[in-house]
Amino acid sequence: DESGSLPAGAMIMAGVEIEAEAADQLLHRFRAVTTLRGELKGSRIDLVDRAFFFELLDRFGGRAYVCTLFDEPGRTERPLDFDVYVALLDQIVTDWLPEREEECASFVIDAGRYDAMVLETVRRDVAALLPRCGSASVTDSRRSPGVQIADVVANSFYNIAVKSGRAGRIATIIEPFLKSGLLSQSQLRNVPAPRQKHPA
């Protein structure tokens, strides 16, 4: 799942590696303790619940990979939002694959940000990167505990990237998980070049 955009200061992509059953259990436990109703989203939870969330991610055996692109001060031309999204997602997948080459992984992409036909192209590109027995799908985040978990991770790193009012506290929450390797962060290596938008 992704958070932010370059005009907003940074764009973040988070990928979470977790067993499907463990993701269900994590979400169930989080809801039971916090009385959350509806979809789990990073923008909807407070600092105490966020700290509890990361403890649960550790408890249920999850790991998260985060890729970031910061906006540059004074930038007059930016890559298209979609190009940045694809580049971030591609780096998440390619950095993760060497650790899981022999496994039949299921890679789930959030359906929320772009048109379904556009995301189908993204899904095919991701599927082509995966081992033969792997799969890639696009789904509504409301039906995917894994995507909801990734949303909280991406939102947390976005808050830190843009130095929001909660950035310091969130950085303190995630610090031990960065040190332990539960969270891995990288900067986007191949930044797309700006290009003209298609005329309306």
N, C-alpha and C. Protein backbone atom coordinates (compact mmCIF):
# COMPACT_ATOMS: atom_id res chain seq x y z
N ASP A 1 0.85 -1.19 0.00
CA ASP A 1 0.00 0.00 0.00
C ASP A 1 0.89 1.24 0.00
N GLU A 2 0.34 2.37 -0.47
CA GLU A 2 1.13 3.60 -0.58
C GLU A 2 0.51 4.71 0.25
N SER A 3 1.31 5.73 0.51
CA SER A 3 0.83 6.89 1.26
C SER A 3 1.53 8.13 0.73
N GLY A 4 0.77 9.22 0.61
CA GLY A 4 1.35 10.49 0.22
C GLY A 4 1.52 10.66 -1.29
N SER A 5 2.22 11.72 -1.66
CA SER A 5 2.54 12.05 -3.04
C SER A 5 3.67 13.06 -3.00
N LEU A 6 4.35 13.25 -4.12
CA LEU A 6 5.44 14.22 -4.12
C LEU A 6 4.97 15.64 -3.82
N PRO A 7 3.85 16.12 -4.40
CA PRO A 7 3.40 17.47 -4.02
C PRO A 7 3.13 17.61 -2.52
N ALA A 8 2.82 16.50 -1.85
CA ALA A 8 2.57 16.53 -0.40
C ALA A 8 3.85 16.34 0.40
N GLY A 9 4.99 16.18 -0.27
CA GLY A 9 6.27 16.09 0.42
C GLY A 9 7.02 14.79 0.24
N ALA A 10 6.31 13.70 0.08
CA ALA A 10 6.95 12.40 -0.09
C ALA A 10 5.90 11.37 -0.49
N MET A 11 6.35 10.34 -1.17
CA MET A 11 5.48 9.20 -1.47
C MET A 11 6.15 7.95 -0.90
N ILE A 12 5.35 7.16 -0.21
CA ILE A 12 5.84 5.98 0.50
C ILE A 12 5.12 4.74 -0.02
N MET A 13 5.87 3.66 -0.22
CA MET A 13 5.27 2.37 -0.53
C MET A 13 5.68 1.38 0.56
N ALA A 14 4.71 0.66 1.10
CA ALA A 14 5.00 -0.35 2.11
C ALA A 14 4.47 -1.70 1.65
N GLY A 15 5.30 -2.69 1.76
CA GLY A 15 4.90 -4.06 1.50
C GLY A 15 5.06 -4.88 2.77
N VAL A 16 4.05 -5.65 3.12
CA VAL A 16 4.10 -6.45 4.35
C VAL A 16 4.14 -7.93 4.00
N GLU A 17 5.07 -8.63 4.61
CA GLU A 17 5.18 -10.07 4.45
C GLU A 17 4.61 -10.73 5.70
N ILE A 18 3.49 -11.45 5.54
CA ILE A 18 2.83 -12.08 6.68
C ILE A 18 1.93 -13.19 6.16
N GLU A 19 1.83 -14.27 6.92
CA GLU A 19 0.92 -15.35 6.54
C GLU A 19 -0.52 -14.83 6.59
N ALA A 20 -1.36 -15.31 5.67
CA ALA A 20 -2.74 -14.82 5.60
C ALA A 20 -3.49 -15.04 6.92
N GLU A 21 -3.31 -16.20 7.54
CA GLU A 21 -3.99 -16.47 8.80
C GLU A 21 -3.50 -15.54 9.90
N ALA A 22 -2.19 -15.26 9.91
CA ALA A 22 -1.63 -14.36 10.92
C ALA A 22 -2.15 -12.94 10.72
N ALA A 23 -2.33 -12.51 9.47
CA ALA A 23 -2.88 -11.18 9.20
C ALA A 23 -4.30 -11.08 9.73
N ASP A 24 -5.09 -12.13 9.52
CA ASP A 24 -6.46 -12.15 10.06
C ASP A 24 -6.44 -12.06 11.58
N GLN A 25 -5.56 -12.82 12.20
CA GLN A 25 -5.49 -12.83 13.66
C GLN A 25 -5.02 -11.48 14.21
N LEU A 26 -4.06 -10.88 13.54
CA LEU A 26 -3.57 -9.56 13.97
C LEU A 26 -4.71 -8.55 13.95
N LEU A 27 -5.45 -8.52 12.84
CA LEU A 27 -6.54 -7.55 12.72
C LEU A 27 -7.62 -7.82 13.76
N HIS A 28 -7.93 -9.10 13.98
CA HIS A 28 -8.95 -9.46 14.98
C HIS A 28 -8.53 -9.01 16.36
N ARG A 29 -7.26 -9.25 16.71
CA ARG A 29 -6.77 -8.85 18.03
C ARG A 29 -6.77 -7.33 18.19
N PHE A 30 -6.35 -6.63 17.13
CA PHE A 30 -6.33 -5.17 17.19
C PHE A 30 -7.73 -4.62 17.40
N ARG A 31 -8.69 -5.16 16.67
CA ARG A 31 -10.08 -4.71 16.81
C ARG A 31 -10.62 -5.00 18.21
N ALA A 32 -10.30 -6.19 18.73
CA ALA A 32 -10.82 -6.59 20.05
C ALA A 32 -10.32 -5.66 21.14
N VAL A 33 -9.06 -5.25 21.06
CA VAL A 33 -8.48 -4.42 22.12
C VAL A 33 -8.84 -2.95 21.96
N THR A 34 -8.85 -2.47 20.72
CA THR A 34 -9.06 -1.02 20.49
C THR A 34 -10.51 -0.67 20.20
N THR A 35 -11.36 -1.68 20.00
CA THR A 35 -12.77 -1.50 19.60
C THR A 35 -12.91 -0.77 18.27
N LEU A 36 -11.91 -0.90 17.41
CA LEU A 36 -11.98 -0.30 16.07
C LEU A 36 -13.16 -0.86 15.29
N ARG A 37 -13.87 0.01 14.62
CA ARG A 37 -14.94 -0.39 13.71
C ARG A 37 -14.56 0.04 12.30
N GLY A 38 -14.85 -0.80 11.33
CA GLY A 38 -14.53 -0.45 9.95
C GLY A 38 -13.10 -0.79 9.61
N GLU A 39 -12.64 -0.20 8.51
CA GLU A 39 -11.32 -0.51 7.97
C GLU A 39 -10.21 0.06 8.85
N LEU A 40 -9.14 -0.72 9.01
CA LEU A 40 -7.95 -0.24 9.71
C LEU A 40 -7.13 0.63 8.77
N LYS A 41 -6.96 1.88 9.14
CA LYS A 41 -6.16 2.81 8.35
C LYS A 41 -5.26 3.61 9.28
N GLY A 42 -4.04 3.88 8.83
CA GLY A 42 -3.11 4.62 9.66
C GLY A 42 -3.59 6.00 10.03
N SER A 43 -4.37 6.62 9.16
CA SER A 43 -4.86 7.97 9.42
C SER A 43 -5.96 8.01 10.48
N ARG A 44 -6.46 6.82 10.88
CA ARG A 44 -7.59 6.76 11.81
C ARG A 44 -7.19 6.36 13.23
N ILE A 45 -5.92 6.04 13.46
CA ILE A 45 -5.54 5.53 14.78
C ILE A 45 -4.62 6.51 15.49
N ASP A 46 -4.67 6.49 16.83
CA ASP A 46 -3.84 7.40 17.62
C ASP A 46 -2.48 6.75 17.91
N LEU A 47 -1.66 7.45 18.64
CA LEU A 47 -0.29 6.99 18.88
C LEU A 47 -0.25 5.71 19.72
N VAL A 48 -1.10 5.61 20.74
CA VAL A 48 -1.11 4.42 21.58
C VAL A 48 -1.52 3.20 20.76
N ASP A 49 -2.56 3.34 19.95
CA ASP A 49 -3.00 2.22 19.12
C ASP A 49 -1.94 1.88 18.07
N ARG A 50 -1.23 2.89 17.58
CA ARG A 50 -0.19 2.64 16.58
C ARG A 50 0.95 1.83 17.20
N ALA A 51 1.34 2.17 18.43
CA ALA A 51 2.39 1.42 19.11
C ALA A 51 1.95 -0.03 19.32
N PHE A 52 0.69 -0.21 19.72
CA PHE A 52 0.14 -1.56 19.90
C PHE A 52 0.16 -2.32 18.58
N PHE A 53 -0.15 -1.64 17.48
CA PHE A 53 -0.16 -2.27 16.17
C PHE A 53 1.21 -2.86 15.83
N PHE A 54 2.27 -2.09 16.04
CA PHE A 54 3.60 -2.61 15.69
C PHE A 54 4.02 -3.75 16.60
N GLU A 55 3.59 -3.73 17.85
CA GLU A 55 3.85 -4.86 18.73
C GLU A 55 3.15 -6.12 18.20
N LEU A 56 1.94 -5.94 17.70
CA LEU A 56 1.21 -7.07 17.12
C LEU A 56 1.87 -7.56 15.84
N LEU A 57 2.36 -6.65 15.02
CA LEU A 57 3.04 -7.06 13.79
C LEU A 57 4.23 -7.96 14.12
N ASP A 58 4.94 -7.62 15.17
CA ASP A 58 6.06 -8.44 15.64
C ASP A 58 5.55 -9.77 16.18
N ARG A 59 4.52 -9.73 17.00
CA ARG A 59 3.99 -10.95 17.64
C ARG A 59 3.50 -11.96 16.61
N PHE A 60 2.87 -11.48 15.55
CA PHE A 60 2.28 -12.39 14.56
C PHE A 60 3.21 -12.68 13.38
N GLY A 61 4.49 -12.36 13.55
CA GLY A 61 5.49 -12.80 12.57
C GLY A 61 5.53 -12.01 11.28
N GLY A 62 5.06 -10.78 11.29
CA GLY A 62 5.09 -9.97 10.08
C GLY A 62 6.42 -9.26 9.90
N ARG A 63 6.68 -8.86 8.69
CA ARG A 63 7.81 -7.99 8.35
C ARG A 63 7.32 -6.99 7.33
N ALA A 64 7.95 -5.82 7.30
CA ALA A 64 7.53 -4.79 6.35
C ALA A 64 8.74 -4.21 5.63
N TYR A 65 8.55 -3.97 4.35
CA TYR A 65 9.55 -3.35 3.50
C TYR A 65 8.99 -2.00 3.05
N VAL A 66 9.76 -0.95 3.25
CA VAL A 66 9.29 0.41 2.96
C VAL A 66 10.24 1.08 1.98
N CYS A 67 9.67 1.71 0.97
CA CYS A 67 10.46 2.45 -0.01
C CYS A 67 9.91 3.87 -0.09
N THR A 68 10.82 4.85 -0.12
CA THR A 68 10.44 6.26 -0.01
C THR A 68 11.06 7.08 -1.13
N LEU A 69 10.29 8.04 -1.63
CA LEU A 69 10.84 9.10 -2.49
C LEU A 69 10.40 10.43 -1.92
N PHE A 70 11.38 11.27 -1.54
CA PHE A 70 11.10 12.60 -1.02
C PHE A 70 11.00 13.60 -2.17
N ASP A 71 10.15 14.60 -1.99
CA ASP A 71 10.14 15.71 -2.93
C ASP A 71 11.40 16.54 -2.70
N GLU A 72 11.84 17.25 -3.74
CA GLU A 72 13.01 18.10 -3.63
C GLU A 72 12.57 19.56 -3.51
N PRO A 73 13.14 20.30 -2.55
CA PRO A 73 12.78 21.73 -2.42
C PRO A 73 13.04 22.48 -3.73
N GLY A 74 12.07 23.28 -4.12
CA GLY A 74 12.23 24.08 -5.33
C GLY A 74 11.99 23.32 -6.62
N ARG A 75 11.56 22.07 -6.52
CA ARG A 75 11.32 21.28 -7.73
C ARG A 75 10.20 21.91 -8.55
N THR A 76 10.43 22.13 -9.83
CA THR A 76 9.42 22.72 -10.70
C THR A 76 8.72 21.66 -11.55
N GLU A 77 9.42 20.56 -11.83
CA GLU A 77 8.82 19.47 -12.58
C GLU A 77 8.98 18.18 -11.79
N ARG A 78 7.90 17.44 -11.69
CA ARG A 78 7.92 16.19 -10.94
C ARG A 78 7.53 15.03 -11.85
N PRO A 79 8.00 13.84 -11.51
CA PRO A 79 7.48 12.66 -12.21
C PRO A 79 5.98 12.53 -11.98
N LEU A 80 5.29 11.89 -12.89
CA LEU A 80 3.87 11.64 -12.69
C LEU A 80 3.67 10.74 -11.46
N ASP A 81 2.59 10.98 -10.75
CA ASP A 81 2.26 10.22 -9.55
C ASP A 81 2.29 8.72 -9.84
N PHE A 82 1.70 8.31 -10.95
CA PHE A 82 1.64 6.89 -11.28
C PHE A 82 3.02 6.31 -11.55
N ASP A 83 3.89 7.07 -12.22
CA ASP A 83 5.25 6.60 -12.49
C ASP A 83 6.01 6.37 -11.19
N VAL A 84 5.83 7.26 -10.22
CA VAL A 84 6.48 7.09 -8.92
C VAL A 84 5.93 5.86 -8.22
N TYR A 85 4.61 5.69 -8.26
CA TYR A 85 3.96 4.53 -7.65
C TYR A 85 4.54 3.23 -8.20
N VAL A 86 4.65 3.14 -9.51
CA VAL A 86 5.17 1.93 -10.15
C VAL A 86 6.63 1.69 -9.77
N ALA A 87 7.42 2.75 -9.76
CA ALA A 87 8.84 2.61 -9.42
C ALA A 87 9.03 2.14 -7.97
N LEU A 88 8.24 2.71 -7.06
CA LEU A 88 8.31 2.29 -5.66
C LEU A 88 7.89 0.83 -5.50
N LEU A 89 6.81 0.46 -6.15
CA LEU A 89 6.32 -0.92 -6.06
C LEU A 89 7.34 -1.89 -6.65
N ASP A 90 7.93 -1.52 -7.78
CA ASP A 90 8.92 -2.38 -8.42
C ASP A 90 10.12 -2.62 -7.50
N GLN A 91 10.57 -1.57 -6.81
CA GLN A 91 11.72 -1.75 -5.91
C GLN A 91 11.36 -2.62 -4.71
N ILE A 92 10.15 -2.44 -4.19
CA ILE A 92 9.70 -3.30 -3.08
C ILE A 92 9.75 -4.77 -3.50
N VAL A 93 9.22 -5.07 -4.68
CA VAL A 93 9.15 -6.46 -5.14
C VAL A 93 10.55 -7.00 -5.41
N THR A 94 11.37 -6.26 -6.13
CA THR A 94 12.69 -6.77 -6.51
C THR A 94 13.62 -6.90 -5.31
N ASP A 95 13.48 -6.04 -4.30
CA ASP A 95 14.31 -6.17 -3.10
C ASP A 95 13.87 -7.35 -2.24
N TRP A 96 12.59 -7.68 -2.30
CA TRP A 96 12.03 -8.76 -1.49
C TRP A 96 12.27 -10.14 -2.12
N LEU A 97 12.28 -10.21 -3.44
CA LEU A 97 12.32 -11.49 -4.14
C LEU A 97 13.52 -12.37 -3.80
N PRO A 98 14.74 -11.83 -3.71
CA PRO A 98 15.87 -12.73 -3.45
C PRO A 98 15.72 -13.56 -2.18
N GLU A 99 14.96 -13.08 -1.22
CA GLU A 99 14.76 -13.82 0.02
C GLU A 99 13.69 -14.90 -0.11
N ARG A 100 12.89 -14.85 -1.19
CA ARG A 100 11.74 -15.75 -1.30
C ARG A 100 11.65 -16.41 -2.67
N GLU A 101 12.80 -16.64 -3.30
CA GLU A 101 12.80 -17.16 -4.67
C GLU A 101 12.17 -18.54 -4.78
N GLU A 102 12.27 -19.34 -3.73
CA GLU A 102 11.77 -20.71 -3.81
C GLU A 102 10.36 -20.86 -3.27
N GLU A 103 9.72 -19.76 -2.89
CA GLU A 103 8.41 -19.85 -2.26
C GLU A 103 7.29 -19.40 -3.21
N CYS A 104 6.12 -19.98 -3.02
CA CYS A 104 4.95 -19.63 -3.83
C CYS A 104 4.18 -18.51 -3.13
N ALA A 105 4.65 -17.31 -3.29
CA ALA A 105 4.07 -16.17 -2.58
C ALA A 105 2.87 -15.60 -3.34
N SER A 106 1.96 -15.03 -2.57
CA SER A 106 0.81 -14.32 -3.14
C SER A 106 0.99 -12.84 -2.85
N PHE A 107 1.13 -12.03 -3.89
CA PHE A 107 1.39 -10.61 -3.75
C PHE A 107 0.09 -9.85 -4.00
N VAL A 108 -0.36 -9.09 -3.01
CA VAL A 108 -1.67 -8.41 -3.08
C VAL A 108 -1.45 -6.90 -3.19
N ILE A 109 -2.08 -6.30 -4.19
CA ILE A 109 -1.95 -4.87 -4.48
C ILE A 109 -3.27 -4.17 -4.17
N ASP A 110 -3.20 -3.04 -3.50
CA ASP A 110 -4.40 -2.27 -3.16
C ASP A 110 -5.06 -1.70 -4.41
N ALA A 111 -6.38 -1.82 -4.47
CA ALA A 111 -7.13 -1.35 -5.64
C ALA A 111 -7.56 0.11 -5.53
N GLY A 112 -7.17 0.79 -4.45
CA GLY A 112 -7.80 2.08 -4.16
C GLY A 112 -7.34 3.29 -4.92
N ARG A 113 -6.11 3.33 -5.44
CA ARG A 113 -5.56 4.60 -5.91
C ARG A 113 -5.81 4.89 -7.39
N TYR A 114 -5.81 3.85 -8.21
CA TYR A 114 -5.89 4.06 -9.66
C TYR A 114 -7.00 3.24 -10.28
N ASP A 115 -7.27 3.54 -11.53
CA ASP A 115 -8.29 2.85 -12.31
C ASP A 115 -7.97 1.36 -12.42
N ALA A 116 -9.01 0.55 -12.48
CA ALA A 116 -8.84 -0.90 -12.48
C ALA A 116 -8.03 -1.38 -13.69
N MET A 117 -8.23 -0.79 -14.84
CA MET A 117 -7.50 -1.22 -16.03
C MET A 117 -6.01 -0.89 -15.90
N VAL A 118 -5.72 0.25 -15.31
CA VAL A 118 -4.32 0.64 -15.10
C VAL A 118 -3.67 -0.32 -14.11
N LEU A 119 -4.37 -0.65 -13.03
CA LEU A 119 -3.82 -1.54 -12.03
C LEU A 119 -3.67 -2.97 -12.54
N GLU A 120 -4.47 -3.35 -13.51
CA GLU A 120 -4.31 -4.68 -14.10
C GLU A 120 -2.97 -4.78 -14.81
N THR A 121 -2.55 -3.71 -15.46
CA THR A 121 -1.23 -3.69 -16.09
C THR A 121 -0.14 -3.82 -15.04
N VAL A 122 -0.30 -3.11 -13.94
CA VAL A 122 0.66 -3.21 -12.83
C VAL A 122 0.69 -4.63 -12.29
N ARG A 123 -0.48 -5.22 -12.12
CA ARG A 123 -0.55 -6.59 -11.58
C ARG A 123 0.19 -7.56 -12.48
N ARG A 124 0.01 -7.45 -13.78
CA ARG A 124 0.70 -8.35 -14.71
C ARG A 124 2.21 -8.17 -14.63
N ASP A 125 2.64 -6.92 -14.52
CA ASP A 125 4.09 -6.66 -14.43
C ASP A 125 4.67 -7.26 -13.16
N VAL A 126 3.96 -7.14 -12.04
CA VAL A 126 4.43 -7.73 -10.79
C VAL A 126 4.44 -9.25 -10.90
N ALA A 127 3.39 -9.82 -11.46
CA ALA A 127 3.30 -11.28 -11.60
C ALA A 127 4.46 -11.81 -12.43
N ALA A 128 4.89 -11.04 -13.43
CA ALA A 128 6.00 -11.48 -14.28
C ALA A 128 7.33 -11.54 -13.52
N LEU A 129 7.43 -10.78 -12.44
CA LEU A 129 8.64 -10.79 -11.64
C LEU A 129 8.70 -11.95 -10.66
N LEU A 130 7.54 -12.53 -10.33
CA LEU A 130 7.46 -13.54 -9.29
C LEU A 130 7.88 -14.91 -9.82
N PRO A 131 8.29 -15.82 -8.92
CA PRO A 131 8.54 -17.20 -9.33
C PRO A 131 7.31 -17.79 -10.00
N ARG A 132 7.50 -18.86 -10.76
CA ARG A 132 6.43 -19.42 -11.57
C ARG A 132 5.18 -19.76 -10.76
N CYS A 133 5.39 -20.21 -9.53
CA CYS A 133 4.23 -20.60 -8.72
C CYS A 133 3.65 -19.43 -7.93
N GLY A 134 4.25 -18.25 -8.01
CA GLY A 134 3.73 -17.08 -7.30
C GLY A 134 2.54 -16.47 -8.02
N SER A 135 1.85 -15.56 -7.33
CA SER A 135 0.69 -14.91 -7.94
C SER A 135 0.60 -13.46 -7.48
N ALA A 136 -0.05 -12.66 -8.28
CA ALA A 136 -0.29 -11.26 -7.93
C ALA A 136 -1.74 -10.94 -8.18
N SER A 137 -2.36 -10.20 -7.27
CA SER A 137 -3.76 -9.85 -7.41
C SER A 137 -3.99 -8.42 -6.94
N VAL A 138 -5.09 -7.85 -7.38
CA VAL A 138 -5.50 -6.51 -6.95
C VAL A 138 -6.80 -6.67 -6.18
N THR A 139 -6.87 -6.06 -5.00
CA THR A 139 -8.07 -6.22 -4.19
C THR A 139 -8.40 -4.95 -3.43
N ASP A 140 -9.65 -4.79 -3.08
CA ASP A 140 -10.11 -3.68 -2.25
C ASP A 140 -9.52 -3.86 -0.85
N SER A 141 -8.91 -2.81 -0.32
CA SER A 141 -8.26 -2.91 0.99
C SER A 141 -9.23 -3.32 2.09
N ARG A 142 -10.52 -3.01 1.93
CA ARG A 142 -11.50 -3.38 2.95
C ARG A 142 -11.64 -4.88 3.08
N ARG A 143 -11.23 -5.62 2.05
CA ARG A 143 -11.32 -7.09 2.08
C ARG A 143 -9.97 -7.76 2.32
N SER A 144 -8.95 -6.97 2.59
CA SER A 144 -7.61 -7.55 2.74
C SER A 144 -6.94 -7.07 4.02
N PRO A 145 -6.87 -7.92 5.05
CA PRO A 145 -6.14 -7.54 6.25
C PRO A 145 -4.69 -7.15 5.96
N GLY A 146 -4.05 -7.84 5.02
CA GLY A 146 -2.66 -7.53 4.69
C GLY A 146 -2.49 -6.12 4.16
N VAL A 147 -3.38 -5.70 3.28
CA VAL A 147 -3.30 -4.35 2.73
C VAL A 147 -3.58 -3.32 3.82
N GLN A 148 -4.51 -3.61 4.71
CA GLN A 148 -4.78 -2.69 5.82
C GLN A 148 -3.56 -2.55 6.74
N ILE A 149 -2.86 -3.66 6.96
CA ILE A 149 -1.64 -3.61 7.76
C ILE A 149 -0.59 -2.75 7.07
N ALA A 150 -0.45 -2.94 5.76
CA ALA A 150 0.52 -2.15 5.00
C ALA A 150 0.17 -0.67 5.03
N ASP A 151 -1.13 -0.35 5.07
CA ASP A 151 -1.55 1.06 5.14
C ASP A 151 -1.01 1.74 6.39
N VAL A 152 -1.08 1.06 7.52
CA VAL A 152 -0.59 1.65 8.77
C VAL A 152 0.91 1.87 8.70
N VAL A 153 1.63 0.90 8.14
CA VAL A 153 3.08 1.05 8.01
C VAL A 153 3.41 2.23 7.11
N ALA A 154 2.78 2.30 5.93
CA ALA A 154 3.06 3.39 5.00
C ALA A 154 2.71 4.74 5.61
N ASN A 155 1.57 4.84 6.27
CA ASN A 155 1.16 6.09 6.89
C ASN A 155 2.14 6.53 7.98
N SER A 156 2.67 5.57 8.72
CA SER A 156 3.63 5.89 9.78
C SER A 156 4.89 6.51 9.18
N PHE A 157 5.42 5.91 8.14
CA PHE A 157 6.63 6.44 7.51
C PHE A 157 6.36 7.75 6.78
N TYR A 158 5.13 7.92 6.28
CA TYR A 158 4.79 9.20 5.64
C TYR A 158 4.79 10.32 6.68
N ASN A 159 4.21 10.07 7.83
CA ASN A 159 4.22 11.09 8.90
C ASN A 159 5.65 11.52 9.23
N ILE A 160 6.54 10.55 9.31
CA ILE A 160 7.94 10.87 9.61
C ILE A 160 8.58 11.64 8.46
N ALA A 161 8.29 11.22 7.24
CA ALA A 161 8.92 11.84 6.06
C ALA A 161 8.57 13.32 5.93
N VAL A 162 7.31 13.67 6.23
CA VAL A 162 6.88 15.06 6.05
C VAL A 162 6.94 15.85 7.35
N LYS A 163 7.50 15.21 8.39
CA LYS A 163 7.68 15.89 9.69
C LYS A 163 6.36 16.44 10.23
N SER A 164 5.37 15.57 10.27
CA SER A 164 4.08 15.96 10.83
C SER A 164 4.22 16.19 12.34
N GLY A 165 3.15 16.68 12.96
CA GLY A 165 3.19 16.93 14.39
C GLY A 165 3.41 15.68 15.22
N ARG A 166 3.12 14.51 14.64
CA ARG A 166 3.28 13.25 15.37
C ARG A 166 4.57 12.52 14.98
N ALA A 167 5.37 13.12 14.11
CA ALA A 167 6.53 12.43 13.53
C ALA A 167 7.49 11.93 14.60
N GLY A 168 7.80 12.77 15.59
CA GLY A 168 8.76 12.38 16.61
C GLY A 168 8.31 11.17 17.41
N ARG A 169 7.04 11.16 17.80
CA ARG A 169 6.51 10.05 18.59
C ARG A 169 6.45 8.77 17.74
N ILE A 170 6.07 8.91 16.49
CA ILE A 170 6.00 7.74 15.62
C ILE A 170 7.39 7.17 15.38
N ALA A 171 8.38 8.06 15.21
CA ALA A 171 9.75 7.60 15.03
C ALA A 171 10.23 6.80 16.25
N THR A 172 9.83 7.25 17.43
CA THR A 172 10.18 6.52 18.66
C THR A 172 9.50 5.16 18.69
N ILE A 173 8.25 5.09 18.22
CA ILE A 173 7.52 3.82 18.19
C ILE A 173 8.21 2.80 17.29
N ILE A 174 8.63 3.23 16.10
CA ILE A 174 9.15 2.26 15.13
C ILE A 174 10.65 1.98 15.28
N GLU A 175 11.35 2.80 16.06
CA GLU A 175 12.81 2.66 16.16
C GLU A 175 13.27 1.24 16.50
N PRO A 176 12.71 0.59 17.54
CA PRO A 176 13.19 -0.76 17.87
C PRO A 176 12.91 -1.77 16.77
N PHE A 177 11.86 -1.55 16.00
CA PHE A 177 11.51 -2.49 14.94
C PHE A 177 12.41 -2.30 13.72
N LEU A 178 12.90 -1.09 13.50
CA LEU A 178 13.92 -0.87 12.47
C LEU A 178 15.22 -1.57 12.87
N LYS A 179 15.58 -1.44 14.14
CA LYS A 179 16.82 -2.05 14.63
C LYS A 179 16.77 -3.57 14.57
N SER A 180 15.59 -4.14 14.83
CA SER A 180 15.46 -5.60 14.85
C SER A 180 15.34 -6.20 13.45
N GLY A 181 15.08 -5.36 12.44
CA GLY A 181 14.89 -5.87 11.09
C GLY A 181 13.46 -6.18 10.74
N LEU A 182 12.55 -6.00 11.68
CA LEU A 182 11.14 -6.21 11.37
C LEU A 182 10.67 -5.21 10.32
N LEU A 183 11.22 -4.01 10.36
CA LEU A 183 10.96 -2.97 9.35
C LEU A 183 12.25 -2.71 8.60
N SER A 184 12.18 -2.69 7.27
CA SER A 184 13.32 -2.36 6.43
C SER A 184 12.95 -1.17 5.56
N GLN A 185 13.84 -0.17 5.49
CA GLN A 185 13.54 1.04 4.74
C GLN A 185 14.63 1.31 3.71
N SER A 186 14.22 1.76 2.53
CA SER A 186 15.17 2.16 1.49
C SER A 186 14.63 3.39 0.76
N GLN A 187 15.53 4.10 0.11
CA GLN A 187 15.15 5.22 -0.74
C GLN A 187 15.02 4.72 -2.18
N LEU A 188 14.11 5.31 -2.94
CA LEU A 188 13.94 4.90 -4.33
C LEU A 188 15.22 5.16 -5.12
N ARG A 189 15.75 4.13 -5.76
CA ARG A 189 17.02 4.25 -6.46
C ARG A 189 16.86 4.79 -7.88
N ASN A 190 15.81 4.36 -8.56
CA ASN A 190 15.61 4.77 -9.95
C ASN A 190 14.39 5.69 -10.04
N VAL A 191 14.65 6.99 -9.94
CA VAL A 191 13.56 7.97 -9.93
C VAL A 191 13.09 8.22 -11.36
N PRO A 192 11.80 8.09 -11.63
CA PRO A 192 11.30 8.34 -12.99
C PRO A 192 11.53 9.80 -13.40
N ALA A 193 11.74 9.98 -14.70
CA ALA A 193 11.90 11.35 -15.21
C ALA A 193 10.54 11.99 -15.36
N PRO A 194 10.44 13.30 -15.20
CA PRO A 194 9.16 14.00 -15.45
C PRO A 194 8.76 13.81 -16.90
N ARG A 195 7.48 13.73 -17.13
CA ARG A 195 6.97 13.68 -18.51
C ARG A 195 5.64 14.38 -18.58
N GLN A 196 5.24 14.73 -19.79
CA GLN A 196 4.02 15.46 -19.98
C GLN A 196 2.81 14.59 -19.70
N LYS A 197 1.82 15.15 -19.01
CA LYS A 197 0.56 14.44 -18.84
C LYS A 197 -0.19 14.41 -20.15
N HIS A 198 -0.97 13.35 -20.34
CA HIS A 198 -1.82 13.29 -21.53
C HIS A 198 -2.86 14.41 -21.46
N PRO A 199 -3.13 15.08 -22.57
CA PRO A 199 -4.15 16.13 -22.54
C PRO A 199 -5.51 15.56 -22.22
N ALA A 200 -6.31 16.34 -21.49
CA ALA A 200 -7.65 15.89 -21.10
C ALA A 200 -8.55 15.76 -22.31
